[in-house]
Amino acid sequence: MQPTSIDVPESVSARGLVRLMGEVRIPAQLSVADLRVFPQREVEVGFACRTSGMRRHHFTGPLLVEVARAAGPIFDPSERKDRLRFLISVLGRDGHHTVLSWGEIDPEFGDTQVLLGLRMDGRDLDEQGPHLVVPGDRSGGRYISRIVEIRICADARLWSAAG
């Protein structure tokens, strides 16, 4: 089975902007400058790239969980574990995309320090837009370049009668 890419509409692929949307109270369009307002973290990563072999990079940027929380995901406040039903889909300008679970990035559960990389190897990524950085992944498949959209949604559709 071949991985698929999504055709990214022009309206989504605005240069350097990231649409943050889905089941959130505060949808937003964020620039790299907006993302720099969040606390910045640094991480060294190494992963295997199918086309260019082993890659090593140093990234700086905010944690995905902090940016996602700022959008106000619509969790049920009466149910502590409700957030574990949520998925985060990340789309790159080239159509590559991946899905993470909220539980992977939540500090009370998986606590994977997933970043939205704004600097790579000392270079600002302002022109390209942020990159998804998933420390611990041995393969680079979830490293999404030039992010244009992040969607936060509950998994309810996966369990509907039609599915």
C-alpha atoms as a PDB file:
ATOM      1  CA  MET A   1       0.000   0.000   0.000  1.00  0.00           C
ATOM      2  CA  GLN A   2       1.381   3.383  -1.036  1.00  0.00           C
ATOM      3  CA  PRO A   3       1.143   6.343   1.361  1.00  0.00           C
ATOM      4  CA  THR A   4      -1.223   8.953   0.041  1.00  0.00           C
ATOM      5  CA  SER A   5      -0.906  12.685  -0.198  1.00  0.00           C
ATOM      6  CA  ILE A   6      -3.718  15.183   0.002  1.00  0.00           C
ATOM      7  CA  ASP A   7      -4.237  17.840  -2.645  1.00  0.00           C
ATOM      8  CA  VAL A   8      -3.738  21.014  -0.648  1.00  0.00           C
ATOM      9  CA  PRO A   9      -6.107  23.813  -1.746  1.00  0.00           C
ATOM     10  CA  GLU A  10      -4.540  27.209  -2.492  1.00  0.00           C
ATOM     11  CA  SER A  11      -6.583  28.718   0.343  1.00  0.00           C
ATOM     12  CA  VAL A  12      -4.813  26.445   2.829  1.00  0.00           C
ATOM     13  CA  SER A  13      -1.290  26.714   1.522  1.00  0.00           C
ATOM     14  CA  ALA A  14      -0.694  30.390   2.321  1.00  0.00           C
ATOM     15  CA  ARG A  15       3.045  30.776   2.681  1.00  0.00           C
ATOM     16  CA  GLY A  16       4.250  30.314   6.234  1.00  0.00           C
ATOM     17  CA  LEU A  17       0.773  30.304   7.834  1.00  0.00           C
ATOM     18  CA  VAL A  18      -0.708  27.391   9.760  1.00  0.00           C
ATOM     19  CA  ARG A  19      -4.461  26.954  10.114  1.00  0.00           C
ATOM     20  CA  LEU A  20      -5.361  25.513  13.522  1.00  0.00           C
ATOM     21  CA  MET A  21      -8.897  24.190  13.431  1.00  0.00           C
ATOM     22  CA  GLY A  22     -11.298  21.382  14.232  1.00  0.00           C
ATOM     23  CA  GLU A  23     -13.128  20.797  17.487  1.00  0.00           C
ATOM     24  CA  VAL A  24     -11.609  23.852  19.140  1.00  0.00           C
ATOM     25  CA  ARG A  25     -13.010  27.005  20.725  1.00  0.00           C
ATOM     26  CA  ILE A  26     -10.423  29.347  19.191  1.00  0.00           C
ATOM     27  CA  PRO A  27      -9.515  28.425  15.605  1.00  0.00           C
ATOM     28  CA  ALA A  28      -6.590  30.451  14.330  1.00  0.00           C
ATOM     29  CA  GLN A  29      -4.224  31.177  11.498  1.00  0.00           C
ATOM     30  CA  LEU A  30      -0.737  31.303  12.968  1.00  0.00           C
ATOM     31  CA  SER A  31       2.439  32.721  11.500  1.00  0.00           C
ATOM     32  CA  VAL A  32       5.904  31.619  12.542  1.00  0.00           C
ATOM     33  CA  ALA A  33       6.088  34.879  14.536  1.00  0.00           C
ATOM     34  CA  ASP A  34       2.888  33.891  16.388  1.00  0.00           C
ATOM     35  CA  LEU A  35       4.419  30.498  17.214  1.00  0.00           C
ATOM     36  CA  ARG A  36       7.553  32.179  18.599  1.00  0.00           C
ATOM     37  CA  VAL A  37       5.429  33.684  21.395  1.00  0.00           C
ATOM     38  CA  PHE A  38       5.121  30.195  22.943  1.00  0.00           C
ATOM     39  CA  PRO A  39       7.982  28.865  25.109  1.00  0.00           C
ATOM     40  CA  GLN A  40      10.669  27.477  22.806  1.00  0.00           C
ATOM     41  CA  ARG A  41      12.261  24.054  23.265  1.00  0.00           C
ATOM     42  CA  GLU A  42      15.320  22.532  21.636  1.00  0.00           C
ATOM     43  CA  VAL A  43      15.824  18.945  20.555  1.00  0.00           C
ATOM     44  CA  GLU A  44      18.429  16.927  18.686  1.00  0.00           C
ATOM     45  CA  VAL A  45      16.889  14.207  16.533  1.00  0.00           C
ATOM     46  CA  GLY A  46      18.072  11.418  14.288  1.00  0.00           C
ATOM     47  CA  PHE A  47      15.871   9.414  11.952  1.00  0.00           C
ATOM     48  CA  ALA A  48      16.074   7.317   8.819  1.00  0.00           C
ATOM     49  CA  CYS A  49      14.782   8.946   5.643  1.00  0.00           C
ATOM     50  CA  ARG A  50      13.676   6.524   2.923  1.00  0.00           C
ATOM     51  CA  THR A  51      15.209   8.641   0.154  1.00  0.00           C
ATOM     52  CA  SER A  52      18.317  10.141   1.777  1.00  0.00           C
ATOM     53  CA  GLY A  53      19.324   7.757   4.571  1.00  0.00           C
ATOM     54  CA  MET A  54      20.131   8.726   8.143  1.00  0.00           C
ATOM     55  CA  ARG A  55      19.404  12.367   9.004  1.00  0.00           C
ATOM     56  CA  ARG A  56      20.386  14.343  12.102  1.00  0.00           C
ATOM     57  CA  HIS A  57      19.004  17.776  12.934  1.00  0.00           C
ATOM     58  CA  HIS A  58      18.737  20.293  15.746  1.00  0.00           C
ATOM     59  CA  PHE A  59      15.264  21.886  15.994  1.00  0.00           C
ATOM     60  CA  THR A  60      13.887  24.743  18.091  1.00  0.00           C
ATOM     61  CA  GLY A  61      10.185  25.508  18.505  1.00  0.00           C
ATOM     62  CA  PRO A  62       7.122  25.251  20.719  1.00  0.00           C
ATOM     63  CA  LEU A  63       5.584  22.008  21.905  1.00  0.00           C
ATOM     64  CA  LEU A  64       2.624  20.918  19.791  1.00  0.00           C
ATOM     65  CA  VAL A  65       0.589  20.274  22.945  1.00  0.00           C
ATOM     66  CA  GLU A  66       1.003  23.891  24.097  1.00  0.00           C
ATOM     67  CA  VAL A  67      -0.057  25.308  20.730  1.00  0.00           C
ATOM     68  CA  ALA A  68      -2.998  22.882  20.561  1.00  0.00           C
ATOM     69  CA  ARG A  69      -4.123  23.762  24.102  1.00  0.00           C
ATOM     70  CA  ALA A  70      -4.168  27.459  23.175  1.00  0.00           C
ATOM     71  CA  ALA A  71      -6.861  26.663  20.588  1.00  0.00           C
ATOM     72  CA  GLY A  72      -9.105  25.364  23.385  1.00  0.00           C
ATOM     73  CA  PRO A  73      -9.919  21.789  22.330  1.00  0.00           C
ATOM     74  CA  ILE A  74     -13.516  20.974  23.212  1.00  0.00           C
ATOM     75  CA  PHE A  75     -12.949  18.324  25.865  1.00  0.00           C
ATOM     76  CA  ASP A  76     -15.724  17.250  28.237  1.00  0.00           C
ATOM     77  CA  PRO A  77     -14.657  18.960  31.501  1.00  0.00           C
ATOM     78  CA  SER A  78     -16.538  16.393  33.600  1.00  0.00           C
ATOM     79  CA  GLU A  79     -14.481  13.522  32.143  1.00  0.00           C
ATOM     80  CA  ARG A  80     -10.717  13.625  32.855  1.00  0.00           C
ATOM     81  CA  LYS A  81      -9.876  11.112  30.134  1.00  0.00           C
ATOM     82  CA  ASP A  82     -12.105  12.629  27.435  1.00  0.00           C
ATOM     83  CA  ARG A  83      -9.044  14.187  25.791  1.00  0.00           C
ATOM     84  CA  LEU A  84      -7.744  10.681  25.013  1.00  0.00           C
ATOM     85  CA  ARG A  85     -10.415  10.426  22.300  1.00  0.00           C
ATOM     86  CA  PHE A  86      -8.855  13.299  20.349  1.00  0.00           C
ATOM     87  CA  LEU A  87      -6.648  13.043  17.284  1.00  0.00           C
ATOM     88  CA  ILE A  88      -4.353  15.654  15.798  1.00  0.00           C
ATOM     89  CA  SER A  89      -3.878  15.613  12.040  1.00  0.00           C
ATOM     90  CA  VAL A  90      -0.968  17.586  10.591  1.00  0.00           C
ATOM     91  CA  LEU A  91      -0.824  18.508   6.886  1.00  0.00           C
ATOM     92  CA  GLY A  92       2.210  19.763   4.967  1.00  0.00           C
ATOM     93  CA  ARG A  93       2.141  22.036   1.911  1.00  0.00           C
ATOM     94  CA  ASP A  94       3.231  19.094  -0.263  1.00  0.00           C
ATOM     95  CA  GLY A  95       0.203  17.030   0.814  1.00  0.00           C
ATOM     96  CA  HIS A  96       2.023  14.727   3.220  1.00  0.00           C
ATOM     97  CA  HIS A  97       0.141  14.272   6.448  1.00  0.00           C
ATOM     98  CA  THR A  98       0.144  12.289   9.658  1.00  0.00           C
ATOM     99  CA  VAL A  99      -2.056  11.734  12.682  1.00  0.00           C
ATOM    100  CA  LEU A 100      -1.044  11.738  16.338  1.00  0.00           C
ATOM    101  CA  SER A 101      -3.199  11.004  19.343  1.00  0.00           C
ATOM    102  CA  TRP A 102      -3.693  13.568  22.093  1.00  0.00           C
ATOM    103  CA  GLY A 103      -2.545  10.913  24.571  1.00  0.00           C
ATOM    104  CA  GLU A 104       0.864  10.704  22.838  1.00  0.00           C
ATOM    105  CA  ILE A 105       1.665  14.360  23.482  1.00  0.00           C
ATOM    106  CA  ASP A 106      -0.209  14.965  26.765  1.00  0.00           C
ATOM    107  CA  PRO A 107       2.214  15.258  29.728  1.00  0.00           C
ATOM    108  CA  GLU A 108      -0.100  13.103  31.882  1.00  0.00           C
ATOM    109  CA  PHE A 109       0.046  10.227  29.401  1.00  0.00           C
ATOM    110  CA  GLY A 110       2.659   9.641  26.631  1.00  0.00           C
ATOM    111  CA  ASP A 111       4.456  12.974  27.113  1.00  0.00           C
ATOM    112  CA  THR A 112       6.227  12.797  23.738  1.00  0.00           C
ATOM    113  CA  GLN A 113       7.838  16.206  23.282  1.00  0.00           C
ATOM    114  CA  VAL A 114       6.548  16.790  19.737  1.00  0.00           C
ATOM    115  CA  LEU A 115       7.674  20.188  18.423  1.00  0.00           C
ATOM    116  CA  LEU A 116       6.611  22.586  15.754  1.00  0.00           C
ATOM    117  CA  GLY A 117      10.129  23.304  14.555  1.00  0.00           C
ATOM    118  CA  LEU A 118      10.714  26.977  13.735  1.00  0.00           C
ATOM    119  CA  ARG A 119      14.505  26.690  13.449  1.00  0.00           C
ATOM    120  CA  MET A 120      16.434  23.791  11.954  1.00  0.00           C
ATOM    121  CA  ASP A 121      20.195  23.517  12.341  1.00  0.00           C
ATOM    122  CA  GLY A 122      20.423  27.208  13.236  1.00  0.00           C
ATOM    123  CA  ARG A 123      18.307  28.373  10.265  1.00  0.00           C
ATOM    124  CA  ASP A 124      14.956  30.106  10.708  1.00  0.00           C
ATOM    125  CA  LEU A 125      12.109  28.380   8.877  1.00  0.00           C
ATOM    126  CA  ASP A 126      10.046  31.558   8.440  1.00  0.00           C
ATOM    127  CA  GLU A 127       9.815  31.207   4.637  1.00  0.00           C
ATOM    128  CA  GLN A 128       8.949  27.511   4.757  1.00  0.00           C
ATOM    129  CA  GLY A 129       6.729  27.436   7.795  1.00  0.00           C
ATOM    130  CA  PRO A 130       7.048  25.082  10.767  1.00  0.00           C
ATOM    131  CA  HIS A 131       8.055  21.437  10.609  1.00  0.00           C
ATOM    132  CA  LEU A 132       6.535  18.674  12.738  1.00  0.00           C
ATOM    133  CA  VAL A 133       9.305  17.060  14.816  1.00  0.00           C
ATOM    134  CA  VAL A 134       8.574  13.725  16.543  1.00  0.00           C
ATOM    135  CA  PRO A 135      11.539  12.821  18.785  1.00  0.00           C
ATOM    136  CA  GLY A 136      11.966   9.104  19.242  1.00  0.00           C
ATOM    137  CA  ASP A 137      10.633   8.114  15.819  1.00  0.00           C
ATOM    138  CA  ARG A 138      13.243   5.982  14.087  1.00  0.00           C
ATOM    139  CA  SER A 139      11.776   6.740  10.668  1.00  0.00           C
ATOM    140  CA  GLY A 140      11.133  10.227   9.321  1.00  0.00           C
ATOM    141  CA  GLY A 141       7.595   9.430   8.128  1.00  0.00           C
ATOM    142  CA  ARG A 142       5.919  11.650  10.729  1.00  0.00           C
ATOM    143  CA  TYR A 143       8.327  14.539  10.202  1.00  0.00           C
ATOM    144  CA  ILE A 144       6.066  16.844   8.188  1.00  0.00           C
ATOM    145  CA  SER A 145       7.710  19.821   6.470  1.00  0.00           C
ATOM    146  CA  ARG A 146       6.050  23.143   5.751  1.00  0.00           C
ATOM    147  CA  ILE A 147       2.960  22.624   7.885  1.00  0.00           C
ATOM    148  CA  VAL A 148      -0.150  24.381   6.564  1.00  0.00           C
ATOM    149  CA  GLU A 149      -2.882  22.904   8.746  1.00  0.00           C
ATOM    150  CA  ILE A 150      -3.393  21.235  12.132  1.00  0.00           C
ATOM    151  CA  ARG A 151      -6.814  19.735  12.880  1.00  0.00           C
ATOM    152  CA  ILE A 152      -7.892  18.577  16.320  1.00  0.00           C
ATOM    153  CA  CYS A 153     -10.907  16.240  16.310  1.00  0.00           C
ATOM    154  CA  ALA A 154     -12.534  13.623  18.510  1.00  0.00           C
ATOM    155  CA  ASP A 155     -12.582  10.070  17.202  1.00  0.00           C
ATOM    156  CA  ALA A 156     -16.426   9.806  17.205  1.00  0.00           C
ATOM    157  CA  ARG A 157     -16.597   9.366  13.420  1.00  0.00           C
ATOM    158  CA  LEU A 158     -14.405   6.272  13.652  1.00  0.00           C
ATOM    159  CA  TRP A 159     -17.050   4.567  15.770  1.00  0.00           C
ATOM    160  CA  SER A 160     -20.174   5.669  13.903  1.00  0.00           C
ATOM    161  CA  ALA A 161     -22.592   3.106  12.462  1.00  0.00           C
ATOM    162  CA  ALA A 162     -21.350   3.929   8.944  1.00  0.00           C
ATOM    163  CA  GLY A 163     -17.755   3.014   9.846  1.00  0.00           C
END
